[in-house]
């Protein structure tokens, strides 16, 4: 089927009489004053919606300056059957292609976000400047312990420093850290950016030996050395940015309870890395690692207990010990030939027990 039409090349104002033939794959356009043209159906776009009483003006999507004007109603109807997108409005075929592009784009964005948030944070954590880490760590500590009493009994502080010194004796390359104890009625400890470690008074109250506190401190040192909290902060901030881009929203990562939980809730891999570091550090310092085992056994007993009040909500948010049973099984005594040395003497231990008064 063919019809007469007018063709404009987009470079001059001249109109070129042409013959337009309806082929299987598109329109074949020929005329005495133009080079033959082949327009695929999917490359044709309507300049105006088709109307029986008006010329039908078409263009080529890759050559938008060109124009083709048709006036033959029968030919126009046949063309619309072949290229229904020219009718305008909803076109299932075109909508399907658009949906595929959108879905593909979202999938690519999600994959990119996953890869960035999964693998980049740990490397970026070691690139953060120390002043920034210290500032963020202080903000997180304040948000985490807001309203809790800082335990500053001099004898208890001295005993806690002695625990840290025993660990450093066998591990001289440990990074600088600051340790604070707060009168929080839950049993836990947290490592934060900038080498900050918080131990709760309840943990010290329930510990039965200084080796348990040393084991917990060694574990938190593992998080500090690997910068797990910095990596989680990068991951949480990146996720927040990703969500903000996707939704137009946002929020304060650090000050929100959910944000703190995201930063301080480590993955199973991170906990395993901290455990491995703790066992090596305890062995280097000749401290009995079974103290850490006893602490984890106590954690296991405490799991599932309901809590009330502000710190109960925090404990629920900061359930940070995945796979506790498997971690207990991985802890072994010191190797033969390495005798354990006491962490604290009796007087120091009693002073540490009284650190919160």
Protein backbone atom coordinates (compact mmCIF):
# COMPACT_ATOMS: atom_id res chain seq x y z
CA UNK A 1 0.00 0.00 0.00
CA UNK A 2 1.28 3.44 -0.87
CA UNK A 3 0.19 7.10 -0.83
CA UNK A 4 1.41 10.53 -1.77
CA UNK A 5 2.94 12.82 0.84
CA UNK A 6 5.17 15.80 1.43
CA UNK A 7 8.68 15.49 2.83
CA UNK A 8 10.82 18.18 4.52
CA UNK A 9 14.50 17.41 5.04
CA UNK A 10 14.94 19.70 8.08
CA UNK A 11 17.70 21.68 6.43
CA UNK A 12 15.68 23.83 4.00
CA UNK A 13 12.11 25.06 3.80
CA UNK A 14 11.52 23.24 0.52
CA UNK A 15 8.75 20.68 0.37
CA UNK A 16 9.44 17.53 -1.57
CA UNK A 17 6.55 15.55 -3.10
CA UNK A 18 7.14 11.88 -2.26
CA UNK A 19 5.61 8.46 -2.53
CA UNK A 20 5.29 6.69 0.80
CA UNK A 21 5.01 2.90 0.75
CA UNK A 22 3.88 0.84 3.72
CA UNK A 23 6.49 -1.93 4.03
CA UNK A 24 6.71 -4.77 6.55
CA UNK A 25 9.13 -3.01 8.89
CA UNK A 26 8.34 0.64 8.29
CA UNK A 27 7.81 3.36 5.71
CA UNK A 28 9.76 3.51 2.46
CA UNK A 29 9.89 7.12 1.25
CA UNK A 30 11.02 8.02 -2.26
CA UNK A 31 10.88 11.10 -4.48
CA UNK A 32 12.56 12.77 -7.43
CA UNK A 33 14.31 15.39 -5.27
CA UNK A 34 15.33 13.38 -2.18
CA UNK A 35 17.43 10.37 -1.37
CA UNK A 36 15.34 7.28 -0.51
CA UNK A 37 14.37 7.06 3.12
CA UNK A 38 13.48 4.02 5.25
CA UNK A 39 11.74 4.85 8.53
CA UNK A 40 11.22 1.93 10.93
CA UNK A 41 7.86 1.92 12.68
CA UNK A 42 9.49 2.16 16.12
CA UNK A 43 11.51 5.20 14.97
CA UNK A 44 8.48 7.21 13.85
CA UNK A 45 6.90 9.80 16.13
CA UNK A 46 3.72 11.81 15.66
CA UNK A 47 4.11 15.59 15.86
CA UNK A 48 0.34 16.00 16.30
CA UNK A 49 -2.26 13.37 17.21
CA UNK A 50 -3.90 11.82 14.13
CA UNK A 51 -7.18 13.39 13.02
CA UNK A 52 -9.33 12.50 10.02
CA UNK A 53 -9.82 16.13 9.00
CA UNK A 54 -6.17 17.25 9.30
CA UNK A 55 -2.86 16.28 7.73
CA UNK A 56 -0.90 13.75 9.76
CA UNK A 57 2.57 15.15 10.53
CA UNK A 58 5.33 12.69 11.40
CA UNK A 59 9.03 12.89 12.28
CA UNK A 60 11.92 10.51 12.80
CA UNK A 61 13.12 10.20 16.41
CA UNK A 62 16.77 10.14 15.37
CA UNK A 63 16.38 12.96 12.82
CA UNK A 64 13.86 15.28 14.52
CA UNK A 65 14.27 18.03 11.93
CA UNK A 66 12.68 15.90 9.19
CA UNK A 67 8.95 16.00 8.55
CA UNK A 68 6.58 13.75 6.65
CA UNK A 69 3.02 14.94 5.97
CA UNK A 70 0.29 12.46 5.02
CA UNK A 71 -3.30 13.21 4.01
CA UNK A 72 -4.63 9.87 2.73
CA UNK A 73 -7.10 8.59 5.42
CA UNK A 74 -6.87 4.94 4.34
CA UNK A 75 -3.09 5.02 4.39
CA UNK A 76 -3.10 6.79 7.76
CA UNK A 77 -5.38 4.11 9.22
CA UNK A 78 -3.16 1.32 7.89
CA UNK A 79 -0.08 3.05 9.33
CA UNK A 80 -1.71 3.37 12.74
CA UNK A 81 -2.40 -0.37 12.74
CA UNK A 82 1.31 -1.00 12.17
CA UNK A 83 2.54 1.70 14.57
CA UNK A 84 -0.12 2.13 17.27
CA UNK A 85 2.18 4.37 19.34
CA UNK A 86 1.36 7.15 16.86
CA UNK A 87 -2.18 7.32 18.23
CA UNK A 88 -0.92 8.83 21.49
CA UNK A 89 -2.31 8.04 24.94
CA UNK A 90 -1.48 4.75 26.65
CA UNK A 91 0.43 2.33 24.52
CA UNK A 92 1.09 -1.07 26.10
CA UNK A 93 4.13 -1.73 23.98
CA UNK A 94 5.72 1.62 24.67
CA UNK A 95 4.70 1.49 28.33
CA UNK A 96 6.24 -1.96 28.60
CA UNK A 97 9.53 -0.72 27.23
CA UNK A 98 9.46 2.26 29.58
CA UNK A 99 8.70 -0.03 32.52
CA UNK A 100 11.60 -2.28 31.57
CA UNK A 101 13.94 0.71 31.46
CA UNK A 102 12.68 1.94 34.84
CA UNK A 103 12.94 -1.50 36.45
CA UNK A 104 16.39 -1.98 34.96
CA UNK A 105 17.53 1.41 36.20
CA UNK A 106 16.22 0.76 39.71
CA UNK A 107 17.85 -2.67 39.75
CA UNK A 108 21.17 -1.16 38.67
CA UNK A 109 20.84 1.55 41.33
CA UNK A 110 20.01 -1.04 44.01
CA UNK A 111 22.93 -3.24 42.97
CA UNK A 112 25.31 -0.28 43.01
CA UNK A 113 24.06 0.81 46.43
CA UNK A 114 24.42 -2.74 47.76
CA UNK A 115 27.98 -3.10 46.48
CA UNK A 116 28.99 0.31 47.80
CA UNK A 117 27.37 -0.20 51.21
CA UNK A 118 28.67 -3.76 51.48
CA UNK A 119 32.29 -3.38 50.48
CA UNK A 120 33.30 0.29 50.56
CA UNK A 121 32.54 1.23 54.21
CA UNK A 122 35.35 -0.86 55.73
CA UNK A 123 37.94 0.78 53.47
CA UNK A 124 36.46 4.24 53.92
CA UNK A 125 36.52 3.77 57.70
CA UNK A 126 40.34 3.89 57.66
CA UNK A 127 40.32 7.08 55.59
CA UNK A 128 38.30 9.13 58.09
CA UNK A 129 40.34 11.87 59.79
CA UNK A 130 40.96 11.36 63.52
CA UNK A 131 39.42 14.69 64.65
CA UNK A 132 36.21 13.80 62.83
CA UNK A 133 36.18 10.30 64.36
CA UNK A 134 36.70 11.75 67.84
CA UNK A 135 33.89 14.27 67.39
CA UNK A 136 31.43 11.71 66.06
CA UNK A 137 32.41 9.23 68.77
CA UNK A 138 31.73 11.84 71.46
CA UNK A 139 28.32 12.58 69.94
CA UNK A 140 27.41 8.89 69.84
CA UNK A 141 28.57 8.36 73.44
CA UNK A 142 26.47 11.31 74.60
CA UNK A 143 23.42 10.08 72.70
CA UNK A 144 23.88 6.52 73.94
CA UNK A 145 24.40 7.37 77.62
CA UNK A 146 22.20 10.45 77.92
CA UNK A 147 20.84 10.70 81.46
CA UNK A 148 23.14 8.00 82.84
CA UNK A 149 25.64 8.66 85.65
CA UNK A 150 29.33 8.54 84.67
CA UNK A 151 31.08 6.30 87.20
CA UNK A 152 34.21 8.18 88.34
CA UNK A 153 35.26 6.50 91.58
CA UNK A 154 39.07 7.04 91.59
CA UNK A 155 39.89 3.54 92.84
CA UNK A 156 37.60 1.96 90.26
CA UNK A 157 39.02 4.13 87.47
CA UNK A 158 42.51 3.13 88.49
CA UNK A 159 41.59 -0.56 88.44
CA UNK A 160 40.01 -0.18 84.98
CA UNK A 161 43.17 1.50 83.72
CA UNK A 162 45.13 -1.45 85.14
CA UNK A 163 43.00 -3.87 83.06
CA UNK A 164 43.74 -1.85 79.93
CA UNK A 165 47.45 -1.74 80.84
CA UNK A 166 47.57 -5.55 81.20
CA UNK A 167 46.18 -5.91 77.69
CA UNK A 168 48.63 -3.36 76.34
CA UNK A 169 51.57 -5.21 77.98
CA UNK A 170 51.26 -8.00 75.45
CA UNK A 171 49.88 -5.86 72.64
CA UNK A 172 52.00 -2.70 72.41
CA UNK A 173 50.54 -1.68 69.04
CA UNK A 174 47.04 -1.12 70.39
CA UNK A 175 45.53 2.22 69.28
CA UNK A 176 44.72 4.97 71.81
CA UNK A 177 41.41 4.36 73.54
CA UNK A 178 39.20 6.00 76.14
CA UNK A 179 37.07 3.85 78.46
CA UNK A 180 34.09 5.10 80.44
CA UNK A 181 31.75 3.23 82.76
CA UNK A 182 28.16 4.44 83.11
CA UNK A 183 25.56 3.38 85.68
CA UNK A 184 23.31 1.79 83.08
CA UNK A 185 21.22 -1.15 84.33
CA UNK A 186 21.88 -3.40 81.35
CA UNK A 187 24.82 -5.74 80.80
CA UNK A 188 26.76 -4.66 77.74
CA UNK A 189 29.74 -2.82 76.30
CA UNK A 190 30.07 -0.75 73.13
CA UNK A 191 32.91 0.45 70.92
CA UNK A 192 32.37 3.75 69.14
CA UNK A 193 34.27 5.79 66.55
CA UNK A 194 37.46 7.43 67.74
CA UNK A 195 38.50 4.53 69.99
CA UNK A 196 35.79 5.19 72.59
CA UNK A 197 34.54 2.26 74.65
CA UNK A 198 31.59 2.29 77.04
CA UNK A 199 31.11 -0.42 79.67
CA UNK A 200 27.93 -0.54 81.71
CA UNK A 201 27.98 -0.71 85.49
CA UNK A 202 25.68 -3.72 85.32
CA UNK A 203 28.31 -5.68 83.36
CA UNK A 204 30.93 -5.02 86.03
CA UNK A 205 28.43 -5.81 88.78
CA UNK A 206 27.62 -9.22 87.28
CA UNK A 207 31.20 -10.13 86.33
CA UNK A 208 32.71 -12.68 88.69
CA UNK A 209 36.37 -12.11 87.85
CA UNK A 210 38.58 -9.43 86.34
CA UNK A 211 39.35 -11.83 83.44
CA UNK A 212 35.75 -11.45 82.30
CA UNK A 213 36.08 -7.65 82.13
CA UNK A 214 39.43 -8.02 80.38
CA UNK A 215 37.87 -10.39 77.84
CA UNK A 216 35.04 -7.96 77.14
CA UNK A 217 37.49 -5.08 76.80
CA UNK A 218 39.66 -7.14 74.42
CA UNK A 219 36.60 -7.88 72.30
CA UNK A 220 35.66 -4.21 72.11
CA UNK A 221 39.27 -3.41 71.25
CA UNK A 222 38.82 -5.73 68.28
CA UNK A 223 35.99 -3.52 67.06
CA UNK A 224 38.20 -0.45 67.58
CA UNK A 225 41.17 -1.93 65.69
CA UNK A 226 39.00 -3.02 62.76
CA UNK A 227 37.04 0.27 62.93
CA UNK A 228 33.76 -1.58 62.78
CA UNK A 229 31.77 1.30 64.25
CA UNK A 230 33.25 3.75 61.73
CA UNK A 231 32.36 1.33 58.93
CA UNK A 232 28.82 1.02 60.27
CA UNK A 233 28.58 4.80 60.45
CA UNK A 234 29.68 5.08 56.82
CA UNK A 235 27.21 2.35 55.90
CA UNK A 236 24.34 3.97 57.83
CA UNK A 237 25.10 7.41 56.42
CA UNK A 238 25.38 6.00 52.91
CA UNK A 239 22.09 4.18 53.34
CA UNK A 240 20.48 7.36 54.62
CA UNK A 241 21.76 9.29 51.62
CA UNK A 242 20.53 6.54 49.31
CA UNK A 243 17.07 6.61 50.91
CA UNK A 244 17.01 10.41 50.79
CA UNK A 245 17.81 10.35 47.09
CA UNK A 246 15.15 7.74 46.44
CA UNK A 247 12.42 9.30 48.59
CA UNK A 248 13.35 12.95 49.02
CA UNK A 249 13.48 12.43 52.79
CA UNK A 250 16.23 12.42 55.37
CA UNK A 251 16.95 12.38 59.08
CA UNK A 252 19.56 12.64 61.78
CA UNK A 253 21.48 9.37 61.77
CA UNK A 254 23.35 9.81 65.02
CA UNK A 255 20.69 11.27 67.29
CA UNK A 256 17.96 8.74 66.47
CA UNK A 257 17.72 5.48 68.37
CA UNK A 258 17.42 3.58 65.10
CA UNK A 259 20.54 5.33 63.83
CA UNK A 260 22.50 4.37 66.94
CA UNK A 261 21.32 0.79 66.63
CA UNK A 262 22.47 0.68 63.01
CA UNK A 263 25.91 2.02 63.91
CA UNK A 264 26.49 -0.27 66.90
CA UNK A 265 24.80 -3.47 65.74
CA UNK A 266 27.61 -5.35 64.09
CA UNK A 267 27.36 -8.15 61.58
CA UNK A 268 28.22 -11.75 62.43
CA UNK A 269 31.46 -11.31 60.47
CA UNK A 270 32.43 -8.21 62.46
CA UNK A 271 31.71 -9.98 65.75
CA UNK A 272 33.82 -12.93 64.62
CA UNK A 273 36.69 -10.58 63.74
CA UNK A 274 36.46 -8.91 67.15
CA UNK A 275 36.40 -12.33 68.86
CA UNK A 276 39.47 -13.48 66.93
CA UNK A 277 41.32 -10.30 67.87
CA UNK A 278 40.29 -10.70 71.52
CA UNK A 279 41.57 -14.26 71.75
CA UNK A 280 44.91 -13.30 70.21
CA UNK A 281 45.24 -10.23 72.43
CA UNK A 282 44.40 -12.23 75.57
CA UNK A 283 46.94 -14.88 74.63
CA UNK A 284 49.61 -12.24 74.00
CA UNK A 285 48.92 -10.75 77.44
CA UNK A 286 48.72 -14.18 79.16
CA UNK A 287 45.12 -13.51 80.28
CA UNK A 288 42.80 -16.49 80.62
CA UNK A 289 40.32 -16.33 77.65
CA UNK A 290 37.84 -18.47 79.57
CA UNK A 291 36.81 -15.23 81.25
CA UNK A 292 35.41 -14.08 77.90
CA UNK A 293 33.70 -17.45 77.57
CA UNK A 294 32.03 -17.04 80.95
CA UNK A 295 30.85 -13.58 79.93
CA UNK A 296 29.27 -14.91 76.74
CA UNK A 297 27.58 -17.67 78.74
CA UNK A 298 26.12 -14.97 80.97
CA UNK A 299 24.99 -13.04 77.87
CA UNK A 300 23.27 -16.19 76.65
CA UNK A 301 21.37 -16.48 79.94
CA UNK A 302 20.35 -12.82 79.75
CA UNK A 303 19.02 -13.06 76.19
CA UNK A 304 15.26 -13.00 75.94
CA UNK A 305 14.69 -11.25 79.27
CA UNK A 306 12.23 -8.38 78.95
CA UNK A 307 13.36 -4.90 79.95
CA UNK A 308 11.49 -1.76 80.81
CA UNK A 309 12.35 1.91 80.83
CA UNK A 310 14.67 3.97 78.67
CA UNK A 311 17.67 1.67 78.86
CA UNK A 312 15.51 -1.38 78.23
CA UNK A 313 14.59 0.10 74.86
CA UNK A 314 18.26 0.80 74.17
CA UNK A 315 19.24 -2.76 75.03
CA UNK A 316 16.58 -4.05 72.67
CA UNK A 317 17.93 -1.84 69.91
CA UNK A 318 21.56 -2.81 70.59
CA UNK A 319 21.31 -6.59 70.62
CA UNK A 320 24.84 -6.95 69.30
CA UNK A 321 25.85 -10.55 69.86
CA UNK A 322 24.69 -12.80 67.00
CA UNK A 323 25.51 -16.51 67.19
CA UNK A 324 26.50 -16.43 70.87
CA UNK A 325 26.49 -20.24 71.25
CA UNK A 326 28.88 -20.72 68.31
CA UNK A 327 31.16 -18.01 69.67
CA UNK A 328 31.29 -19.73 73.07
CA UNK A 329 32.37 -22.98 71.43
CA UNK A 330 35.22 -21.20 69.61
CA UNK A 331 36.90 -20.03 72.84
CA UNK A 332 39.70 -22.26 74.09
CA UNK A 333 42.07 -22.06 77.08
CA UNK A 334 45.56 -20.62 76.71
CA UNK A 335 47.95 -22.91 74.84
CA UNK A 336 50.23 -25.17 76.85
CA UNK A 337 53.33 -23.35 77.96
CA UNK A 338 51.58 -19.99 78.48
CA UNK A 339 50.55 -19.74 82.14
CA UNK A 340 47.77 -17.27 82.85
CA UNK A 341 48.70 -14.27 84.98
CA UNK A 342 46.12 -12.47 87.15
CA UNK A 343 44.69 -9.30 85.66
CA UNK A 344 44.04 -7.53 88.98
CA UNK A 345 44.81 -8.25 92.60
CA UNK A 346 41.96 -8.63 95.08
CA UNK A 347 42.05 -4.98 96.19
CA UNK A 348 41.95 -3.71 92.61
CA UNK A 349 39.11 -6.08 91.73
CA UNK A 350 37.03 -4.90 94.68
CA UNK A 351 37.73 -1.28 93.69
CA UNK A 352 36.55 -1.98 90.14
CA UNK A 353 33.39 -3.60 91.48
CA UNK A 354 32.68 -0.37 93.40
CA UNK A 355 33.39 1.97 90.47
CA UNK A 356 29.75 3.11 90.30
CA UNK A 357 29.50 3.55 94.10
